[in-house]
Amino acid sequence: SSIRSFEDWFHACPGSITKNLEIALFEDNLRGLKVTKALKKGEVVLKVPSKLVITEESLSETPLLTIIQKAKIQPSKPVSVSFFLMYQESRGSSFKPYLDLLPREFYSGWAFSDSEITCLDGLEIKKEIEKNPFRAVYDTQVVPVLQVLPAEWNSSDYSYENFLWAMCVVASRAFFLQRNQHISLALVPMVRFDFLEILKKSRKFDFFARSTWQTITRLEDLIVDKEGNVTLVSSDNYAAGEQFLVNYGQRSNADLLLMKGFIIPENDFDCIDVNIKLCDHVLGLP
């Protein structure tokens, strides 16, 4: 019923198009897009109107932005999108059919419990997880907003747990879209569902590394017009019945585990960080 509600919501928006694709369940009961009729490389398969695309600019459509400005906070793009998600989640908004399809639990590294983190003893990724940047971001960019939140607003709607959920949504599903000369961080309904595997048919990789905690894909198969409408073209040929896959980029298993919550067996792009410290006598220093 949630899938049908989402499809009805999506197609009710003028300009939305899905061609030879349908939402289906795949292995491990994960949602994805199934090809219903053979697709050719370069063929347009999806059009998403700008009205359905969530970016950091979407926050300006809510009264929450005024409160954030009162707190004299300039949230980052991921935090702005997260604020928007938390606001919409608390208000039963027009985005409800999309929000209802988003997972409630995530398996990315920053959502690990203490016992799960202990299992990573001896691995470099454990240090990254223990840094827990989400907590620091919450304290500096969300807590000041809570301090000036109007009395009629429910501060629990913006709890750390809800913030962590929203940031995990962003980390696992958002990517950068370029419109004219501006780059936005975007959530595009229908483009990503549950954790889709790396596209194994193609080795075309293109991604932005924005910080040590966030590497977000920029999909070369997405076309954005000047109004912000998004068009997705097929990056390969597909036969009817196959799963339409999305490219997560050239990433190590550590990065995938940290950001997405899964690893790829026999990942061609797996690597480890090696920290080298040269002794003074090797450098020729006294």
Protein backbone atom coordinates (compact mmCIF):
# COMPACT_ATOMS: atom_id res chain seq x y z
CA SER A 1 0.00 0.00 0.00
CA SER A 2 2.88 2.41 0.73
CA ILE A 3 4.37 1.71 -2.71
CA ARG A 4 1.03 2.32 -4.41
CA SER A 5 0.56 5.57 -2.44
CA PHE A 6 4.02 6.69 -3.50
CA GLU A 7 3.40 5.87 -7.16
CA ASP A 8 0.08 7.73 -7.10
CA TRP A 9 1.77 10.73 -5.46
CA PHE A 10 4.63 10.70 -7.95
CA HIS A 11 2.50 10.43 -11.08
CA ALA A 12 0.00 13.01 -9.83
CA CYS A 13 2.67 15.69 -10.21
CA PRO A 14 2.60 17.26 -13.71
CA GLY A 15 5.70 16.40 -15.72
CA SER A 16 6.57 13.15 -13.93
CA ILE A 17 7.36 10.23 -16.25
CA THR A 18 8.48 6.65 -15.72
CA LYS A 19 9.21 4.65 -18.85
CA ASN A 20 9.47 0.86 -18.76
CA LEU A 21 10.23 0.87 -15.01
CA GLU A 22 8.24 -0.22 -12.00
CA ILE A 23 8.92 -0.51 -8.28
CA ALA A 24 9.47 -4.11 -7.25
CA LEU A 25 10.93 -6.22 -4.45
CA PHE A 26 14.23 -7.96 -5.05
CA GLU A 27 16.60 -10.17 -3.05
CA ASP A 28 16.33 -9.79 0.75
CA ASN A 29 13.03 -7.98 0.27
CA LEU A 30 14.72 -4.75 -0.85
CA ARG A 31 12.88 -2.32 -3.07
CA GLY A 32 14.24 -1.29 -6.42
CA LEU A 33 13.31 -0.47 -10.00
CA LYS A 34 12.53 -3.34 -12.37
CA VAL A 35 12.77 -2.99 -16.13
CA THR A 36 9.41 -3.94 -17.68
CA LYS A 37 10.51 -3.60 -21.31
CA ALA A 38 13.99 -3.75 -22.85
CA LEU A 39 15.94 -0.50 -22.49
CA LYS A 40 18.74 0.83 -24.63
CA LYS A 41 21.76 2.75 -23.37
CA GLY A 42 21.02 6.48 -23.38
CA GLU A 43 17.26 6.02 -23.34
CA VAL A 44 15.26 8.34 -21.09
CA VAL A 45 13.62 6.28 -18.35
CA LEU A 46 12.56 8.77 -15.72
CA LYS A 47 11.61 12.42 -15.37
CA VAL A 48 11.19 13.98 -11.93
CA PRO A 49 9.65 17.48 -11.70
CA SER A 50 11.56 20.00 -9.58
CA LYS A 51 8.54 20.19 -7.26
CA LEU A 52 9.36 16.66 -6.03
CA VAL A 53 13.12 17.19 -5.68
CA ILE A 54 14.36 17.99 -2.17
CA THR A 55 17.45 20.22 -1.93
CA GLU A 56 18.95 22.55 0.65
CA GLU A 57 16.88 25.34 -0.95
CA SER A 58 13.70 23.48 0.05
CA LEU A 59 14.25 24.67 3.62
CA SER A 60 13.35 28.21 2.51
CA GLU A 61 9.79 26.97 1.85
CA THR A 62 9.26 26.32 5.57
CA PRO A 63 8.91 28.65 8.59
CA LEU A 64 11.79 26.72 10.14
CA LEU A 65 14.27 28.77 8.12
CA THR A 66 13.30 31.96 9.97
CA ILE A 67 13.93 30.22 13.29
CA ILE A 68 17.32 28.98 12.08
CA GLN A 69 18.23 32.51 11.02
CA LYS A 70 17.15 33.79 14.44
CA ALA A 71 19.61 31.33 15.96
CA LYS A 72 22.28 32.85 13.68
CA ILE A 73 23.10 29.43 12.25
CA GLN A 74 24.22 28.80 8.69
CA PRO A 75 23.59 25.08 8.29
CA SER A 76 25.59 23.07 5.79
CA LYS A 77 23.82 21.55 2.79
CA PRO A 78 23.41 18.11 4.43
CA VAL A 79 22.08 19.70 7.61
CA SER A 80 19.69 21.94 5.65
CA VAL A 81 18.22 18.90 3.88
CA SER A 82 18.04 17.10 7.24
CA PHE A 83 16.20 20.04 8.81
CA PHE A 84 13.70 19.91 5.95
CA LEU A 85 13.18 16.16 6.40
CA MET A 86 12.60 16.51 10.15
CA TYR A 87 10.18 19.38 9.61
CA GLN A 88 8.20 17.51 6.95
CA GLU A 89 8.20 14.33 9.02
CA SER A 90 6.67 16.19 11.97
CA ARG A 91 4.01 18.00 9.93
CA GLY A 92 2.47 15.21 7.85
CA SER A 93 3.38 17.11 4.70
CA SER A 94 2.77 16.54 1.01
CA PHE A 95 6.01 14.54 0.97
CA LYS A 96 4.51 11.90 3.26
CA PRO A 97 4.25 9.18 0.55
CA TYR A 98 7.98 9.59 -0.12
CA LEU A 99 8.94 9.78 3.56
CA ASP A 100 6.91 6.66 4.31
CA LEU A 101 9.09 4.66 1.90
CA LEU A 102 12.35 5.72 3.55
CA PRO A 103 13.82 3.18 5.96
CA ARG A 104 13.56 3.85 9.68
CA GLU A 105 16.79 2.02 10.50
CA PHE A 106 20.18 2.37 8.89
CA TYR A 107 23.25 0.18 8.96
CA SER A 108 25.90 2.74 8.09
CA GLY A 109 28.90 2.94 10.39
CA TRP A 110 27.76 6.01 12.31
CA ALA A 111 24.58 4.21 13.35
CA PHE A 112 26.54 1.29 14.86
CA SER A 113 25.98 0.39 18.51
CA ASP A 114 28.91 0.20 20.94
CA SER A 115 28.97 -3.59 20.69
CA GLU A 116 29.05 -3.41 16.88
CA ILE A 117 31.88 -0.89 16.98
CA THR A 118 33.86 -3.28 19.21
CA CYS A 119 33.76 -5.84 16.40
CA LEU A 120 35.87 -3.44 14.34
CA ASP A 121 38.87 -3.59 16.70
CA GLY A 122 42.11 -3.28 14.74
CA LEU A 123 40.49 -1.69 11.69
CA GLU A 124 41.15 1.90 10.62
CA ILE A 125 37.45 2.50 10.02
CA LYS A 126 36.78 2.16 13.75
CA LYS A 127 38.56 5.47 14.35
CA GLU A 128 36.33 7.19 11.78
CA ILE A 129 33.17 5.82 13.38
CA GLU A 130 34.28 6.76 16.90
CA LYS A 131 34.73 10.37 15.79
CA ASN A 132 30.92 10.49 15.40
CA PRO A 133 30.76 13.77 13.42
CA PHE A 134 26.97 13.73 13.51
CA ARG A 135 26.95 14.41 17.25
CA ALA A 136 29.27 17.39 16.88
CA VAL A 137 27.21 18.75 13.98
CA TYR A 138 24.02 18.33 16.00
CA ASP A 139 25.48 20.21 18.96
CA THR A 140 26.68 23.14 16.83
CA GLN A 141 23.96 23.44 14.17
CA VAL A 142 20.78 22.03 15.72
CA VAL A 143 20.95 22.66 19.47
CA PRO A 144 21.18 26.47 19.03
CA VAL A 145 17.99 26.31 16.95
CA LEU A 146 16.20 24.37 19.70
CA GLN A 147 17.07 27.13 22.12
CA VAL A 148 15.00 29.65 20.15
CA LEU A 149 12.27 27.26 19.04
CA PRO A 150 8.77 28.72 19.64
CA ALA A 151 6.90 27.24 22.59
CA GLU A 152 4.21 25.75 20.34
CA TRP A 153 6.82 23.73 18.45
CA ASN A 154 7.78 20.27 19.72
CA SER A 155 11.54 20.15 20.29
CA SER A 156 11.46 16.33 20.31
CA ASP A 157 10.77 16.50 16.56
CA TYR A 158 14.37 17.65 16.25
CA SER A 159 15.96 15.19 18.67
CA TYR A 160 19.38 13.73 18.01
CA GLU A 161 17.74 10.41 17.06
CA ASN A 162 15.61 12.12 14.41
CA PHE A 163 18.60 14.12 13.23
CA LEU A 164 20.68 10.95 12.92
CA TRP A 165 17.91 9.35 10.86
CA ALA A 166 17.72 12.37 8.55
CA MET A 167 21.48 12.58 8.11
CA CYS A 168 21.63 8.86 7.30
CA VAL A 169 18.96 9.41 4.65
CA VAL A 170 21.10 12.17 3.16
CA ALA A 171 24.35 10.20 3.37
CA SER A 172 22.87 7.11 1.73
CA ARG A 173 20.56 8.67 -0.86
CA ALA A 174 21.51 12.25 -1.71
CA PHE A 175 23.81 13.34 -4.49
CA PHE A 176 24.93 16.57 -6.09
CA LEU A 177 23.02 18.07 -9.01
CA GLN A 178 24.33 20.96 -11.05
CA ARG A 179 21.85 23.47 -12.45
CA ASN A 180 23.43 26.31 -14.40
CA GLN A 181 26.42 27.25 -12.21
CA HIS A 182 24.90 26.14 -8.91
CA ILE A 183 25.44 22.75 -7.29
CA SER A 184 22.69 21.49 -4.98
CA LEU A 185 22.55 18.49 -2.68
CA ALA A 186 19.44 16.60 -3.72
CA LEU A 187 17.10 13.79 -2.80
CA VAL A 188 15.31 12.69 -5.96
CA PRO A 189 12.30 10.36 -5.47
CA MET A 190 12.35 7.23 -7.66
CA VAL A 191 16.11 7.39 -8.26
CA ARG A 192 17.13 5.57 -5.07
CA PHE A 193 15.30 3.17 -2.81
CA ASP A 194 16.94 0.63 -0.49
CA PHE A 195 20.63 -0.16 -0.75
CA LEU A 196 21.14 -0.98 -4.42
CA GLU A 197 24.33 -2.79 -5.34
CA ILE A 198 27.12 -1.15 -7.31
CA LEU A 199 26.47 -1.06 -11.03
CA LYS A 200 28.68 -3.88 -12.24
CA LYS A 201 27.99 -3.51 -15.94
CA SER A 202 29.73 -0.15 -16.25
CA ARG A 203 33.01 1.20 -14.93
CA LYS A 204 32.18 4.87 -15.40
CA PHE A 205 32.64 6.54 -12.05
CA ASP A 206 32.19 10.18 -11.17
CA PHE A 207 31.81 11.40 -7.61
CA PHE A 208 32.52 14.39 -5.38
CA ALA A 209 34.37 14.07 -2.09
CA ARG A 210 33.04 16.90 0.05
CA SER A 211 34.63 16.04 3.40
CA THR A 212 36.15 13.17 5.33
CA TRP A 213 32.72 11.97 6.42
CA GLN A 214 30.75 12.47 3.25
CA THR A 215 31.41 11.20 -0.26
CA ILE A 216 28.26 11.68 -2.28
CA THR A 217 27.80 10.45 -5.81
CA ARG A 218 27.26 12.77 -8.72
CA LEU A 219 25.41 10.67 -11.28
CA GLU A 220 26.52 11.38 -14.83
CA ASP A 221 23.30 9.82 -16.13
CA LEU A 222 21.17 12.57 -14.57
CA ILE A 223 20.29 15.64 -16.61
CA VAL A 224 19.02 18.79 -14.87
CA ASP A 225 17.32 21.57 -16.83
CA LYS A 226 17.27 25.24 -15.86
CA GLU A 227 13.99 24.78 -13.96
CA GLY A 228 15.48 22.02 -11.83
CA ASN A 229 13.57 19.13 -13.41
CA VAL A 230 15.60 15.92 -13.36
CA THR A 231 15.86 13.40 -16.21
CA LEU A 232 17.49 9.99 -15.78
CA VAL A 233 18.87 8.09 -18.77
CA SER A 234 19.92 4.46 -18.87
CA SER A 235 23.68 3.97 -18.59
CA ASP A 236 23.49 0.54 -20.24
CA ASN A 237 21.27 -1.87 -22.12
CA TYR A 238 18.74 -3.75 -19.98
CA ALA A 239 16.54 -6.73 -20.70
CA ALA A 240 12.98 -6.93 -19.42
CA GLY A 241 12.87 -8.21 -15.84
CA GLU A 242 16.32 -6.96 -14.86
CA GLN A 243 16.89 -4.60 -11.94
CA PHE A 244 17.72 -1.04 -12.94
CA LEU A 245 20.86 -0.23 -10.96
CA VAL A 246 22.44 2.95 -9.72
CA ASN A 247 26.17 3.57 -9.67
CA TYR A 248 27.55 4.28 -6.17
CA GLY A 249 30.97 5.18 -7.51
CA GLN A 250 34.55 4.01 -7.10
CA ARG A 251 34.61 3.27 -3.38
CA SER A 252 36.44 1.06 -0.93
CA ASN A 253 34.53 -1.30 1.34
CA ALA A 254 35.43 0.89 4.31
CA ASP A 255 33.78 3.88 2.64
CA LEU A 256 30.72 1.83 1.66
CA LEU A 257 30.35 0.47 5.19
CA LEU A 258 30.75 3.90 6.74
CA MET A 259 28.33 5.69 4.41
CA LYS A 260 25.98 3.03 3.07
CA GLY A 261 26.04 0.16 5.55
CA PHE A 262 27.18 -2.65 3.25
CA ILE A 263 30.31 -4.02 1.59
CA ILE A 264 30.96 -5.59 -1.80
CA PRO A 265 32.70 -9.01 -1.88
CA GLU A 266 35.66 -8.94 -4.28
CA ASN A 267 35.33 -5.16 -4.64
CA ASP A 268 37.73 -4.12 -7.43
CA PHE A 269 38.15 -0.74 -5.76
CA ASP A 270 38.74 -1.90 -2.21
CA CYS A 271 41.78 -0.39 -0.52
CA ILE A 272 43.16 0.39 2.92
CA ASP A 273 44.78 3.48 4.35
CA VAL A 274 48.43 3.12 5.24
CA ASN A 275 49.86 5.68 7.63
CA ILE A 276 53.61 6.01 7.21
CA LYS A 277 55.78 7.74 9.77
CA LEU A 278 59.47 8.07 8.95
CA CYS A 279 62.00 8.08 11.75
CA ASP A 280 64.33 11.04 12.09
CA HIS A 281 67.39 9.00 11.08
CA VAL A 282 65.67 7.98 7.83
CA LEU A 283 65.02 11.63 7.06
CA GLY A 284 68.62 12.48 7.92
CA LEU A 285 67.61 14.69 10.83
CA PRO A 286 69.76 14.98 13.98
